[in-house]
Amino acid sequence: MRIDAHQHFWLYDPVRDSWITEEMEAIRRTFLPNDIGQILKDNKIDGVVAVQADQSVKQTEFLVELSGFYKLIKAVVGWVDLRSASVEDQLEQFKQHSIIKGFRHIIEGESDPDFLHRDEFLRGIAALTKHHYTYDLLIRPRHYASTLKCVAANPDQAFMLDHIAKPPIKSQEFDEWAQFIADLSGYSNVHCKISGLATEADWKHWTLDHFTQYIEHVIACFGKERVLFGSDWPVCLLAGTYEDSINIVADKLRDFSEAELKGFWGDNAVKFYSIT
């Protein structure tokens, strides 16, 4: 299967979705699988991983419900309050939905640089490990240090880094981010989505060359078996088309073997998220 490992679906709500500002008018509406189905077929994508975009159990249940109607959803990365004293009970309840493969918290929205390494959050990560769920890392530079501490403290947890940690592509700054990627990739239980890149560049004036040093560094650090494709649709529409999200990456995979390409475009996601 060819898998897009990072897509979002939502019923737009102006209050809940206040993160979608006026300059993001292109995505200030409802997005459902019907809106992407034909585009996926045109690009020979067989399925997607639906990732939470709202910090609520209701969002997780919504994605699960969608998966029952749309078979293109092959896995769900939902949300659960990992700091809750009842997190284990909640995870037990989620076990009835085999489509749920992991969870994510929007860490990038947390001002606390140590959020990932607080005791209550680490207890939640330990619960994910116990129940064999993955965890997607969505972070900003202020979270680099605590991310490394969290990963180091949980060697048996499967982690996925979203959007290659959102490097400052627009300004072409590199060194701080590159050191973090080098450090993080040293942990074999961490994988990386090459996703969501155009929105970190100049939305109107990016070129393929603007992404080269970042993608090449990620591949050099993580290797070809721990990287995979994600579009970040529909957020990617702020800076280009769905095809642009593919072309930005495809342009940098010229030295991949046929087997490695199959891994990048699908097999690595199938393995990480236990997609059947």
Foldseek 3Di string as FASTA:
>chain_A
DFEAEEEEFDAADCVQVVVCDPLNVVPRHGDACVVCVVVCVVVVHQAYEYEFDGADVVSVVVVLVSCVVDVRHQAYAAHDPQLDPCLLVVLVVCVVRLRYAHYEDQAQPDPDLQVLPDPSNLSSQVSCLVSRHAYEDAHALSNLVNVLVSCVVCLSHQYEYECLRLDQLQVLDDDSSLVSLLSVLVRLSYAYENEDHQVSHDLEDDDLVSCAVSLVSNCVRNPLLRYAYHYHPPSNVSRHDSVVSVVSNVVRCVPADPVSVCNRRPVSSCVSRVGD
